[in-house]
C-alpha cells in the first residue's frame, strides 16, 4: 500500500472521528466601555478611559483537526500511532459526553 492510499484512509478515519474541542487563548482588542461593563475600573493602576482600546485575553473552544493530528502521528510512529490516537479520541469523547452521576447526600 502506497503513501497516498494510506493518507486517503487517514482522511476517511478523521472524518469519522467525533468532534472534540480544545481550549485556546487568543488576544483581542476591546474598548473601554466593554471593560467598564465587565466591572473593571483600573488597568495597571490607571483609570479606564471609555474611548481607549485595551488588549484582553479570551479562552475559546476550537475543534481539533483530526486529519493533521493523524498525519503527524503517521510520520512520527506509523499506523499503530494513528490507531492509538483514534482510540484515545473516541474514549475521550465518550467520557465527556456522559453526564456525571448525582450524589445523594442526606
C-alpha atoms as a PDB file:
ATOM      1  CA  UNK A   1       0.000   0.000   0.000  1.00  0.00           C
ATOM      2  CA  UNK A   2       1.439   3.348  -1.045  1.00  0.00           C
ATOM      3  CA  UNK A   3       1.621   6.508   0.994  1.00  0.00           C
ATOM      4  CA  UNK A   4      -1.229   8.188  -0.941  1.00  0.00           C
ATOM      5  CA  UNK A   5      -3.644   5.363  -0.212  1.00  0.00           C
ATOM      6  CA  UNK A   6      -2.677   5.434   3.470  1.00  0.00           C
ATOM      7  CA  UNK A   7      -3.393   9.156   3.646  1.00  0.00           C
ATOM      8  CA  UNK A   8      -6.727   8.571   1.924  1.00  0.00           C
ATOM      9  CA  UNK A   9      -7.625   6.073   4.650  1.00  0.00           C
ATOM     10  CA  UNK A  10      -6.452   8.530   7.313  1.00  0.00           C
ATOM     11  CA  UNK A  11      -8.735  11.245   5.866  1.00  0.00           C
ATOM     12  CA  UNK A  12     -11.697   8.846   5.993  1.00  0.00           C
ATOM     13  CA  UNK A  13     -10.814   7.922   9.573  1.00  0.00           C
ATOM     14  CA  UNK A  14     -10.505  11.595  10.548  1.00  0.00           C
ATOM     15  CA  UNK A  15     -13.943  12.317   9.084  1.00  0.00           C
ATOM     16  CA  UNK A  16     -15.485   9.506  11.121  1.00  0.00           C
ATOM     17  CA  UNK A  17     -13.992  10.615  14.460  1.00  0.00           C
ATOM     18  CA  UNK A  18     -16.204  12.626  16.838  1.00  0.00           C
ATOM     19  CA  UNK A  19     -15.660  16.357  17.096  1.00  0.00           C
ATOM     20  CA  UNK A  20     -13.556  17.259  20.118  1.00  0.00           C
ATOM     21  CA  UNK A  21     -12.936  20.841  21.189  1.00  0.00           C
ATOM     22  CA  UNK A  22      -9.771  22.161  22.749  1.00  0.00           C
ATOM     23  CA  UNK A  23      -9.290  25.414  24.606  1.00  0.00           C
ATOM     24  CA  UNK A  24      -7.219  28.135  23.016  1.00  0.00           C
ATOM     25  CA  UNK A  25      -6.230  31.520  24.412  1.00  0.00           C
ATOM     26  CA  UNK A  26      -6.482  34.421  21.973  1.00  0.00           C
ATOM     27  CA  UNK A  27      -5.784  38.108  22.350  1.00  0.00           C
ATOM     28  CA  UNK A  28      -8.378  40.604  21.219  1.00  0.00           C
ATOM     29  CA  UNK A  29      -8.898  44.340  21.343  1.00  0.00           C
ATOM     30  CA  UNK A  30     -11.793  45.750  23.366  1.00  0.00           C
ATOM     31  CA  UNK A  31     -12.984  49.281  24.010  1.00  0.00           C
ATOM     32  CA  UNK A  32     -13.001  50.984  27.379  1.00  0.00           C
ATOM     33  CA  UNK A  33     -16.802  50.775  27.516  1.00  0.00           C
ATOM     34  CA  UNK A  34     -16.651  46.974  27.263  1.00  0.00           C
ATOM     35  CA  UNK A  35     -14.011  46.827  30.011  1.00  0.00           C
ATOM     36  CA  UNK A  36     -16.141  49.005  32.296  1.00  0.00           C
ATOM     37  CA  UNK A  37     -19.184  46.819  31.557  1.00  0.00           C
ATOM     38  CA  UNK A  38     -17.180  43.820  32.795  1.00  0.00           C
ATOM     39  CA  UNK A  39     -16.702  45.583  36.127  1.00  0.00           C
ATOM     40  CA  UNK A  40     -13.055  46.649  35.770  1.00  0.00           C
ATOM     41  CA  UNK A  41     -12.265  50.198  36.933  1.00  0.00           C
ATOM     42  CA  UNK A  42      -8.451  50.224  36.647  1.00  0.00           C
ATOM     43  CA  UNK A  43      -5.927  48.683  34.299  1.00  0.00           C
ATOM     44  CA  UNK A  44      -2.326  48.657  35.560  1.00  0.00           C
ATOM     45  CA  UNK A  45      -3.193  51.260  38.183  1.00  0.00           C
ATOM     46  CA  UNK A  46      -4.641  53.687  35.624  1.00  0.00           C
ATOM     47  CA  UNK A  47      -8.343  54.509  35.425  1.00  0.00           C
ATOM     48  CA  UNK A  48     -10.109  53.021  32.377  1.00  0.00           C
ATOM     49  CA  UNK A  49     -10.785  55.501  29.576  1.00  0.00           C
ATOM     50  CA  UNK A  50     -14.094  54.881  27.770  1.00  0.00           C
ATOM     51  CA  UNK A  51     -12.692  55.667  24.311  1.00  0.00           C
ATOM     52  CA  UNK A  52      -9.345  53.882  24.649  1.00  0.00           C
ATOM     53  CA  UNK A  53      -8.610  50.412  23.267  1.00  0.00           C
ATOM     54  CA  UNK A  54      -7.349  47.641  25.551  1.00  0.00           C
ATOM     55  CA  UNK A  55      -5.924  44.195  24.905  1.00  0.00           C
ATOM     56  CA  UNK A  56      -7.721  41.298  26.549  1.00  0.00           C
ATOM     57  CA  UNK A  57      -7.174  37.552  26.531  1.00  0.00           C
ATOM     58  CA  UNK A  58     -10.092  35.219  25.955  1.00  0.00           C
ATOM     59  CA  UNK A  59     -10.352  31.458  26.099  1.00  0.00           C
ATOM     60  CA  UNK A  60     -12.298  29.945  23.219  1.00  0.00           C
ATOM     61  CA  UNK A  61     -13.135  26.399  22.196  1.00  0.00           C
ATOM     62  CA  UNK A  62     -11.716  25.304  18.846  1.00  0.00           C
ATOM     63  CA  UNK A  63     -12.295  21.933  17.177  1.00  0.00           C
ATOM     64  CA  UNK A  64      -9.330  19.611  16.857  1.00  0.00           C
ATOM     65  CA  UNK A  65      -8.006  18.960  13.366  1.00  0.00           C
ATOM     66  CA  UNK A  66      -8.004  15.143  13.384  1.00  0.00           C
ATOM     67  CA  UNK A  67      -6.564  14.915   9.875  1.00  0.00           C
ATOM     68  CA  UNK A  68      -3.499  16.954  10.825  1.00  0.00           C
ATOM     69  CA  UNK A  69      -3.015  15.027  14.079  1.00  0.00           C
ATOM     70  CA  UNK A  70      -3.335  11.653  12.340  1.00  0.00           C
ATOM     71  CA  UNK A  71      -0.841  12.709   9.680  1.00  0.00           C
ATOM     72  CA  UNK A  72       1.610  13.881  12.362  1.00  0.00           C
ATOM     73  CA  UNK A  73       1.253  10.584  14.224  1.00  0.00           C
ATOM     74  CA  UNK A  74       1.753   8.648  10.992  1.00  0.00           C
ATOM     75  CA  UNK A  75       5.018  10.447  10.224  1.00  0.00           C
ATOM     76  CA  UNK A  76       6.315  10.041  13.756  1.00  0.00           C
ATOM     77  CA  UNK A  77       5.305   6.470  14.640  1.00  0.00           C
ATOM     78  CA  UNK A  78       3.372   4.884  11.767  1.00  0.00           C
ATOM     79  CA  UNK A  79      -0.117   3.414  11.537  1.00  0.00           C
ATOM     80  CA  UNK A  80      -0.024   1.984  15.076  1.00  0.00           C
ATOM     81  CA  UNK A  81       0.142   5.505  16.496  1.00  0.00           C
ATOM     82  CA  UNK A  82      -2.816   6.523  14.309  1.00  0.00           C
ATOM     83  CA  UNK A  83      -4.876   3.643  15.673  1.00  0.00           C
ATOM     84  CA  UNK A  84      -3.971   4.625  19.250  1.00  0.00           C
ATOM     85  CA  UNK A  85      -4.909   8.257  18.520  1.00  0.00           C
ATOM     86  CA  UNK A  86      -8.306   7.242  17.122  1.00  0.00           C
ATOM     87  CA  UNK A  87      -8.994   5.032  20.158  1.00  0.00           C
ATOM     88  CA  UNK A  88      -7.975   7.816  22.538  1.00  0.00           C
ATOM     89  CA  UNK A  89     -10.232  10.363  20.800  1.00  0.00           C
ATOM     90  CA  UNK A  90     -13.234   8.029  20.884  1.00  0.00           C
ATOM     91  CA  UNK A  91     -12.659   7.215  24.575  1.00  0.00           C
ATOM     92  CA  UNK A  92     -12.251  10.908  25.412  1.00  0.00           C
ATOM     93  CA  UNK A  93     -15.458  11.824  23.591  1.00  0.00           C
ATOM     94  CA  UNK A  94     -17.376   9.053  25.371  1.00  0.00           C
ATOM     95  CA  UNK A  95     -16.079  10.159  28.770  1.00  0.00           C
ATOM     96  CA  UNK A  96     -17.050  13.770  28.224  1.00  0.00           C
ATOM     97  CA  UNK A  97     -20.487  13.026  26.779  1.00  0.00           C
ATOM     98  CA  UNK A  98     -21.690  11.053  29.813  1.00  0.00           C
ATOM     99  CA  UNK A  99     -23.428  13.139  32.454  1.00  0.00           C
ATOM    100  CA  UNK A 100     -21.893  12.903  35.895  1.00  0.00           C
ATOM    101  CA  UNK A 101     -23.959  10.868  38.372  1.00  0.00           C
ATOM    102  CA  UNK A 102     -25.690  12.868  41.038  1.00  0.00           C
ATOM    103  CA  UNK A 103     -24.519  12.083  44.519  1.00  0.00           C
ATOM    104  CA  UNK A 104     -27.267  11.761  47.073  1.00  0.00           C
ATOM    105  CA  UNK A 105     -26.329  13.356  50.372  1.00  0.00           C
ATOM    106  CA  UNK A 106     -28.701  13.222  53.303  1.00  0.00           C
END
